[in-house]
Amino acid sequence: MNLWLRLLHLIVASFVRPRLDPLRDVSRLTFRVWPHDLDTSLHMNNGRYWTLMDLGHTDMMIRSGLWRPVLKHGWVPVVGAGQIRFRRELRPFRAFTLETRILTWSATHVVMEHRLVSQSKDGSTILNAISLVRAGLYDRKERSFVSMPRLLAEVGLQAEAPAAAPEVEAFLRAEETLKSAA
């Protein structure tokens, strides 16, 4: 139930927060680690990281205005691949921020970065986890992923994909290798 409450809070709050340019801005959501987020080691469960990252995608979609064409056309967000690097645990009641941004895109998919960061006692930033996610919007009627030019046009944008950083290229190569092994 807690995830539904977080989602409901996010949806309501996203409509009153400033609009995001999905190609340039970073979505920042603040959370706290609650007892129901914990695993048997008494730190945030690794599956919970992925679930919270879905809220980062949702915030980006709502605040960029993409939610309108998504609902209008019946598109479905689909995550095709993800990679995460855990760096520092998140203990009970710890406050943290989820930062979500789009790094680059292909013909039909975006690559997003998620960073979970917290503050140390001296105020310095701690990177708790970082992930890369490849996702797209699937059009069930067309039985294909929505093209990036169409998706961008739906929110009034036009842009070329930024060059992928070496870590993004490595992530995409690894994803293609794994896909071909299946």
Protein backbone atom coordinates (compact mmCIF):
# COMPACT_ATOMS: atom_id res chain seq x y z
CA MET A 1 0.00 0.00 0.00
CA ASN A 2 2.87 2.41 0.75
CA LEU A 3 3.91 2.46 -2.90
CA TRP A 4 0.40 3.42 -3.96
CA LEU A 5 0.45 6.27 -1.44
CA ARG A 6 3.82 7.45 -2.76
CA LEU A 7 2.46 7.27 -6.32
CA LEU A 8 -0.70 9.19 -5.42
CA HIS A 9 1.35 11.85 -3.62
CA LEU A 10 3.69 12.10 -6.62
CA ILE A 11 0.84 12.52 -9.11
CA VAL A 12 -0.84 15.26 -7.08
CA ALA A 13 2.44 17.06 -6.34
CA SER A 14 3.67 16.81 -9.96
CA PHE A 15 0.75 18.90 -11.19
CA VAL A 16 1.70 21.83 -8.94
CA ARG A 17 5.46 21.61 -9.36
CA PRO A 18 7.22 23.52 -12.18
CA ARG A 19 7.14 22.09 -15.69
CA LEU A 20 10.23 20.15 -16.78
CA ASP A 21 12.02 20.24 -20.09
CA PRO A 22 12.66 16.49 -20.34
CA LEU A 23 15.76 16.99 -22.50
CA ARG A 24 17.54 19.42 -20.18
CA ASP A 25 16.05 19.32 -16.68
CA VAL A 26 16.50 16.91 -13.79
CA SER A 27 13.55 15.55 -11.84
CA ARG A 28 14.28 15.60 -8.10
CA LEU A 29 12.07 13.70 -5.67
CA THR A 30 12.73 13.45 -1.96
CA PHE A 31 11.99 10.34 0.06
CA ARG A 32 12.73 8.74 3.39
CA VAL A 33 13.56 5.08 4.04
CA TRP A 34 10.63 3.64 6.00
CA PRO A 35 10.54 0.26 7.79
CA HIS A 36 8.51 -1.29 4.94
CA ASP A 37 11.38 -0.40 2.53
CA LEU A 38 13.87 -2.60 4.41
CA ASP A 39 15.23 -6.05 3.72
CA THR A 40 16.59 -8.55 6.26
CA SER A 41 19.89 -6.63 6.43
CA LEU A 42 17.93 -3.61 7.69
CA HIS A 43 18.77 -1.36 4.78
CA MET A 44 16.67 -0.41 1.76
CA ASN A 45 15.77 -3.46 -0.29
CA ASN A 46 17.43 -3.56 -3.71
CA GLY A 47 14.06 -4.05 -5.42
CA ARG A 48 12.75 -0.89 -3.78
CA TYR A 49 15.38 1.17 -5.61
CA TRP A 50 13.89 0.08 -8.95
CA THR A 51 10.36 0.77 -7.77
CA LEU A 52 11.26 4.29 -6.66
CA MET A 53 13.01 4.90 -9.98
CA ASP A 54 9.66 4.24 -11.67
CA LEU A 55 8.39 7.27 -9.75
CA GLY A 56 11.22 9.30 -11.29
CA HIS A 57 10.02 8.26 -14.77
CA THR A 58 6.46 9.14 -13.81
CA ASP A 59 7.42 12.58 -12.49
CA MET A 60 9.32 13.31 -15.70
CA MET A 61 6.33 12.20 -17.79
CA ILE A 62 3.80 14.29 -15.86
CA ARG A 63 5.86 17.44 -15.49
CA SER A 64 6.96 17.47 -19.14
CA GLY A 65 3.35 17.21 -20.31
CA LEU A 66 3.95 13.82 -21.91
CA TRP A 67 1.16 12.29 -19.83
CA ARG A 68 -1.45 13.88 -22.13
CA PRO A 69 -0.39 12.08 -25.34
CA VAL A 70 0.32 8.91 -23.35
CA LEU A 71 -3.29 8.83 -22.15
CA LYS A 72 -4.70 10.08 -25.46
CA HIS A 73 -2.98 7.39 -27.54
CA GLY A 74 -2.98 4.63 -24.93
CA TRP A 75 0.80 4.32 -24.96
CA VAL A 76 2.45 2.17 -22.30
CA PRO A 77 5.84 2.94 -20.74
CA VAL A 78 8.15 -0.08 -21.04
CA VAL A 79 11.57 -0.48 -19.44
CA GLY A 80 13.69 -2.72 -21.64
CA ALA A 81 16.94 -2.78 -19.70
CA GLY A 82 18.49 -1.47 -16.53
CA GLN A 83 21.78 -1.57 -14.71
CA ILE A 84 22.44 -0.37 -11.19
CA ARG A 85 25.52 0.22 -9.08
CA PHE A 86 24.97 0.30 -5.33
CA ARG A 87 27.58 2.43 -3.62
CA ARG A 88 26.38 3.17 -0.09
CA GLU A 89 23.47 1.65 1.80
CA LEU A 90 20.39 3.59 2.79
CA ARG A 91 19.53 2.87 6.43
CA PRO A 92 16.13 3.25 8.14
CA PHE A 93 14.65 6.77 8.29
CA ARG A 94 17.41 8.19 6.09
CA ALA A 95 16.25 11.02 3.81
CA PHE A 96 17.44 10.86 0.21
CA THR A 97 16.78 12.39 -3.19
CA LEU A 98 16.10 10.57 -6.44
CA GLU A 99 17.46 12.49 -9.43
CA THR A 100 16.22 11.40 -12.88
CA ARG A 101 17.42 12.76 -16.21
CA ILE A 102 17.46 11.73 -19.85
CA LEU A 103 20.99 11.24 -21.16
CA THR A 104 20.39 10.35 -24.80
CA TRP A 105 18.00 8.49 -27.07
CA SER A 106 17.77 6.26 -30.11
CA ALA A 107 15.03 6.04 -32.73
CA THR A 108 12.52 4.67 -30.22
CA HIS A 109 14.06 4.59 -26.74
CA VAL A 110 15.59 6.93 -24.18
CA VAL A 111 18.44 6.22 -21.81
CA MET A 112 17.83 7.69 -18.38
CA GLU A 113 20.12 8.04 -15.41
CA HIS A 114 18.85 7.72 -11.86
CA ARG A 115 20.93 8.85 -8.91
CA LEU A 116 19.95 8.28 -5.30
CA VAL A 117 21.82 10.76 -3.14
CA SER A 118 21.79 11.62 0.54
CA GLN A 119 23.64 14.03 2.79
CA SER A 120 26.41 13.12 5.23
CA LYS A 121 26.52 14.67 8.69
CA ASP A 122 28.97 17.30 7.42
CA GLY A 123 26.58 18.23 4.59
CA SER A 124 28.52 16.66 1.75
CA THR A 125 26.66 14.65 -0.87
CA ILE A 126 26.74 10.85 -0.77
CA LEU A 127 25.97 8.90 -3.94
CA ASN A 128 24.05 5.87 -2.67
CA ALA A 129 23.23 4.31 -6.04
CA ILE A 130 23.34 5.12 -9.72
CA SER A 131 21.53 3.39 -12.57
CA LEU A 132 21.04 3.53 -16.29
CA VAL A 133 17.67 2.56 -17.79
CA ARG A 134 16.63 2.08 -21.41
CA ALA A 135 12.90 2.67 -21.89
CA GLY A 136 10.33 3.56 -24.50
CA LEU A 137 6.64 4.13 -25.00
CA TYR A 138 4.85 1.22 -26.63
CA ASP A 139 1.85 1.84 -28.88
CA ARG A 140 -0.37 -1.22 -28.50
CA LYS A 141 -2.52 -0.26 -31.50
CA GLU A 142 0.49 0.04 -33.81
CA ARG A 143 2.32 -2.83 -32.08
CA SER A 144 5.53 -0.83 -32.06
CA PHE A 145 7.46 1.67 -30.00
CA VAL A 146 6.71 5.35 -30.53
CA SER A 147 9.43 7.11 -32.49
CA MET A 148 11.41 9.78 -30.68
CA PRO A 149 10.60 12.49 -33.25
CA ARG A 150 6.87 11.83 -32.71
CA LEU A 151 7.25 11.70 -28.93
CA LEU A 152 9.19 14.97 -28.87
CA ALA A 153 6.69 16.63 -31.22
CA GLU A 154 3.85 15.65 -28.87
CA VAL A 155 5.45 17.82 -26.15
CA GLY A 156 6.49 20.60 -28.54
CA LEU A 157 10.20 19.78 -28.73
CA GLN A 158 12.64 19.07 -31.51
CA ALA A 159 16.22 18.01 -30.83
CA GLU A 160 19.04 15.74 -31.86
CA ALA A 161 20.16 13.06 -29.43
CA PRO A 162 23.23 14.00 -27.42
CA ALA A 163 26.28 11.83 -27.93
CA ALA A 164 26.30 8.88 -25.57
CA ALA A 165 28.96 8.90 -22.87
CA PRO A 166 31.29 5.87 -22.76
CA GLU A 167 29.40 4.30 -19.84
CA VAL A 168 26.11 4.65 -21.75
CA GLU A 169 27.63 3.05 -24.85
CA ALA A 170 28.96 0.17 -22.73
CA PHE A 171 25.52 -0.25 -21.11
CA LEU A 172 23.79 -0.37 -24.51
CA ARG A 173 26.36 -2.84 -25.91
CA ALA A 174 25.89 -5.09 -22.87
CA GLU A 175 22.11 -4.88 -23.29
CA GLU A 176 22.36 -5.86 -26.98
CA THR A 177 24.67 -8.76 -26.12
CA LEU A 178 22.28 -10.03 -23.47
CA LYS A 179 19.31 -9.60 -25.79
CA SER A 180 20.97 -11.71 -28.49
CA ALA A 181 21.82 -14.44 -25.94
CA ALA A 182 18.16 -14.99 -25.06
